[in-house]
Amino acid sequence: TLVKDSSSPAVYILEYGKKRPFSSFEVFIGLNYHRLPIVTMDTSVIPMGDGIFTKDQRHTRGTLILQDGTVYYLGASIKYGFPSKAVFDSWGRSFSEIIPGNSFDRCIPDGPIVEMRT
């Protein structure tokens, strides 16, 4: 989730319960996060995490990426592929949450496929 603090122009990505700042607009754009919706809220109670300083890295945990025709959910050390639109929809996700994967995401090993959520 991308969040913008209601009292500043800063945009963060939430990961592991922390807000991670982008070091620059170029990094934000370079990782394609500009394609995702941003929620405005008070982030003062969310602890600060490590900054994101380069576009030359994998996307953060929790990001949905499109790679080679498959949508993946990125975990901490593996990526989980959605086998169908029906499974994707069962998780209440939206295609507006998906960004293109990069070469660093490609290096993340595939994990088990995502199963239908009931």
C-alpha atoms as a PDB file:
ATOM      1  CA  THR A   1       0.000   0.000   0.000  1.00  0.00           C
ATOM      2  CA  LEU A   2       1.191   3.471  -0.857  1.00  0.00           C
ATOM      3  CA  VAL A   3       0.360   6.154   1.681  1.00  0.00           C
ATOM      4  CA  LYS A   4       0.784   9.913   1.674  1.00  0.00           C
ATOM      5  CA  ASP A   5       0.964  11.637   4.994  1.00  0.00           C
ATOM      6  CA  SER A   6      -1.916  14.067   5.445  1.00  0.00           C
ATOM      7  CA  SER A   7       0.434  16.731   6.835  1.00  0.00           C
ATOM      8  CA  SER A   8       3.317  16.498   4.337  1.00  0.00           C
ATOM      9  CA  PRO A   9       4.007  15.699   0.685  1.00  0.00           C
ATOM     10  CA  ALA A  10       5.938  12.518   1.574  1.00  0.00           C
ATOM     11  CA  VAL A  11       4.808   9.227   0.002  1.00  0.00           C
ATOM     12  CA  TYR A  12       5.680   5.917   1.642  1.00  0.00           C
ATOM     13  CA  ILE A  13       5.183   2.268   0.873  1.00  0.00           C
ATOM     14  CA  LEU A  14       4.056   0.106   3.765  1.00  0.00           C
ATOM     15  CA  GLU A  15       6.062  -3.054   4.394  1.00  0.00           C
ATOM     16  CA  TYR A  16       6.342  -5.176   7.542  1.00  0.00           C
ATOM     17  CA  GLY A  17       4.227  -2.645   9.449  1.00  0.00           C
ATOM     18  CA  LYS A  18       6.622   0.212   8.696  1.00  0.00           C
ATOM     19  CA  LYS A  19       6.505   3.137   6.309  1.00  0.00           C
ATOM     20  CA  ARG A  20       9.415   3.172   3.878  1.00  0.00           C
ATOM     21  CA  PRO A  21      10.232   6.504   2.230  1.00  0.00           C
ATOM     22  CA  PHE A  22      11.420   6.889  -1.346  1.00  0.00           C
ATOM     23  CA  SER A  23      14.690   8.798  -1.607  1.00  0.00           C
ATOM     24  CA  SER A  24      13.546  10.622  -4.731  1.00  0.00           C
ATOM     25  CA  PHE A  25      10.762  10.976  -7.242  1.00  0.00           C
ATOM     26  CA  GLU A  26      13.035   9.261  -9.796  1.00  0.00           C
ATOM     27  CA  VAL A  27      13.214   6.125  -7.617  1.00  0.00           C
ATOM     28  CA  PHE A  28       9.420   6.183  -7.137  1.00  0.00           C
ATOM     29  CA  ILE A  29       8.882   6.462 -10.925  1.00  0.00           C
ATOM     30  CA  GLY A  30      11.699   4.013 -11.752  1.00  0.00           C
ATOM     31  CA  LEU A  31      10.012   1.269  -9.718  1.00  0.00           C
ATOM     32  CA  ASN A  32       6.653   2.082 -11.391  1.00  0.00           C
ATOM     33  CA  TYR A  33       4.907   2.809  -8.109  1.00  0.00           C
ATOM     34  CA  HIS A  34       3.446   5.941  -9.703  1.00  0.00           C
ATOM     35  CA  ARG A  35       0.919   3.641 -11.384  1.00  0.00           C
ATOM     36  CA  LEU A  36      -0.655   2.654  -8.053  1.00  0.00           C
ATOM     37  CA  PRO A  37      -3.320   4.425  -6.009  1.00  0.00           C
ATOM     38  CA  ILE A  38      -2.114   6.422  -2.996  1.00  0.00           C
ATOM     39  CA  VAL A  39      -4.085   6.597   0.262  1.00  0.00           C
ATOM     40  CA  THR A  40      -3.835   9.853   2.230  1.00  0.00           C
ATOM     41  CA  MET A  41      -3.783   9.352   5.990  1.00  0.00           C
ATOM     42  CA  ASP A  42      -2.068  10.301   9.224  1.00  0.00           C
ATOM     43  CA  THR A  43       1.112   8.219   9.214  1.00  0.00           C
ATOM     44  CA  SER A  44       2.548   9.636  12.447  1.00  0.00           C
ATOM     45  CA  VAL A  45       1.785   6.434  14.382  1.00  0.00           C
ATOM     46  CA  ILE A  46       3.454   4.165  11.791  1.00  0.00           C
ATOM     47  CA  PRO A  47       7.135   3.490  12.553  1.00  0.00           C
ATOM     48  CA  MET A  48       9.703   4.527   9.940  1.00  0.00           C
ATOM     49  CA  GLY A  49      11.448   1.767   8.008  1.00  0.00           C
ATOM     50  CA  ASP A  50      14.478   1.768   5.754  1.00  0.00           C
ATOM     51  CA  GLY A  51      14.397   4.112   2.790  1.00  0.00           C
ATOM     52  CA  ILE A  52      14.227   2.980  -0.817  1.00  0.00           C
ATOM     53  CA  PHE A  53      17.271   4.527  -2.479  1.00  0.00           C
ATOM     54  CA  THR A  54      17.491   2.949  -5.931  1.00  0.00           C
ATOM     55  CA  LYS A  55      15.255   1.680  -8.691  1.00  0.00           C
ATOM     56  CA  ASP A  56      17.759  -1.131  -9.229  1.00  0.00           C
ATOM     57  CA  GLN A  57      16.192  -3.531  -6.745  1.00  0.00           C
ATOM     58  CA  ARG A  58      13.280  -5.887  -6.383  1.00  0.00           C
ATOM     59  CA  HIS A  59       9.890  -4.491  -5.481  1.00  0.00           C
ATOM     60  CA  THR A  60       8.859  -4.578  -1.845  1.00  0.00           C
ATOM     61  CA  ARG A  61       7.057  -7.431  -0.148  1.00  0.00           C
ATOM     62  CA  GLY A  62       3.319  -7.282  -0.857  1.00  0.00           C
ATOM     63  CA  THR A  63       3.629  -5.749  -4.316  1.00  0.00           C
ATOM     64  CA  LEU A  64       1.625  -7.287  -7.159  1.00  0.00           C
ATOM     65  CA  ILE A  65       3.657  -7.526 -10.350  1.00  0.00           C
ATOM     66  CA  LEU A  66       3.014  -8.717 -13.883  1.00  0.00           C
ATOM     67  CA  GLN A  67       5.795 -10.823 -15.342  1.00  0.00           C
ATOM     68  CA  ASP A  68       5.670 -13.062 -18.413  1.00  0.00           C
ATOM     69  CA  GLY A  69       1.867 -12.964 -18.467  1.00  0.00           C
ATOM     70  CA  THR A  70       1.452 -14.017 -14.822  1.00  0.00           C
ATOM     71  CA  VAL A  71       0.462 -11.861 -11.875  1.00  0.00           C
ATOM     72  CA  TYR A  72       2.593 -12.509  -8.785  1.00  0.00           C
ATOM     73  CA  TYR A  73       2.325 -11.499  -5.157  1.00  0.00           C
ATOM     74  CA  LEU A  74       5.830 -10.805  -3.865  1.00  0.00           C
ATOM     75  CA  GLY A  75       6.669 -12.401  -0.559  1.00  0.00           C
ATOM     76  CA  ALA A  76       9.768 -11.893   1.549  1.00  0.00           C
ATOM     77  CA  SER A  77      11.852 -14.424  -0.372  1.00  0.00           C
ATOM     78  CA  ILE A  78       9.550 -16.047  -2.944  1.00  0.00           C
ATOM     79  CA  LYS A  79       6.819 -14.942  -5.336  1.00  0.00           C
ATOM     80  CA  TYR A  80       3.372 -16.485  -5.524  1.00  0.00           C
ATOM     81  CA  GLY A  81       1.661 -16.761  -8.894  1.00  0.00           C
ATOM     82  CA  PHE A  82      -2.061 -16.403  -9.428  1.00  0.00           C
ATOM     83  CA  PRO A  83      -3.150 -19.272 -11.714  1.00  0.00           C
ATOM     84  CA  SER A  84      -6.351 -17.563 -12.922  1.00  0.00           C
ATOM     85  CA  LYS A  85      -8.401 -14.395 -12.837  1.00  0.00           C
ATOM     86  CA  ALA A  86     -10.964 -16.192 -10.650  1.00  0.00           C
ATOM     87  CA  VAL A  87      -8.326 -16.901  -7.996  1.00  0.00           C
ATOM     88  CA  PHE A  88      -7.044 -13.327  -8.230  1.00  0.00           C
ATOM     89  CA  ASP A  89     -10.586 -11.969  -7.841  1.00  0.00           C
ATOM     90  CA  SER A  90     -11.252 -14.251  -4.848  1.00  0.00           C
ATOM     91  CA  TRP A  91      -8.574 -12.338  -2.920  1.00  0.00           C
ATOM     92  CA  GLY A  92     -10.409  -9.050  -3.512  1.00  0.00           C
ATOM     93  CA  ARG A  93      -7.527  -7.566  -5.440  1.00  0.00           C
ATOM     94  CA  SER A  94      -7.782  -5.185  -8.388  1.00  0.00           C
ATOM     95  CA  PHE A  95      -5.876  -4.982 -11.645  1.00  0.00           C
ATOM     96  CA  SER A  96      -5.168  -1.340 -10.771  1.00  0.00           C
ATOM     97  CA  GLU A  97      -2.804  -2.681  -8.061  1.00  0.00           C
ATOM     98  CA  ILE A  98      -0.482  -4.431 -10.539  1.00  0.00           C
ATOM     99  CA  ILE A  99       2.770  -2.956 -11.814  1.00  0.00           C
ATOM    100  CA  PRO A 100       5.311  -4.373 -14.270  1.00  0.00           C
ATOM    101  CA  GLY A 101       7.956  -6.590 -12.725  1.00  0.00           C
ATOM    102  CA  ASN A 102      11.636  -5.852 -13.251  1.00  0.00           C
ATOM    103  CA  SER A 103      14.787  -7.939 -13.728  1.00  0.00           C
ATOM    104  CA  PHE A 104      15.359  -8.065  -9.961  1.00  0.00           C
ATOM    105  CA  ASP A 105      11.871  -9.525  -9.403  1.00  0.00           C
ATOM    106  CA  ARG A 106      12.683 -12.178 -11.990  1.00  0.00           C
ATOM    107  CA  CYS A 107      15.430 -13.462  -9.673  1.00  0.00           C
ATOM    108  CA  ILE A 108      12.946 -14.165  -6.869  1.00  0.00           C
ATOM    109  CA  PRO A 109      12.186 -17.913  -6.822  1.00  0.00           C
ATOM    110  CA  ASP A 110       8.648 -19.055  -7.558  1.00  0.00           C
ATOM    111  CA  GLY A 111       6.753 -20.376  -4.575  1.00  0.00           C
ATOM    112  CA  PRO A 112       3.473 -22.270  -4.509  1.00  0.00           C
ATOM    113  CA  ILE A 113       0.613 -20.893  -6.569  1.00  0.00           C
ATOM    114  CA  VAL A 114      -2.047 -18.835  -4.842  1.00  0.00           C
ATOM    115  CA  GLU A 115      -5.151 -20.863  -4.048  1.00  0.00           C
ATOM    116  CA  MET A 116      -8.788 -19.807  -4.245  1.00  0.00           C
ATOM    117  CA  ARG A 117      -9.831 -17.834  -1.182  1.00  0.00           C
ATOM    118  CA  THR A 118     -13.213 -18.840   0.168  1.00  0.00           C
END
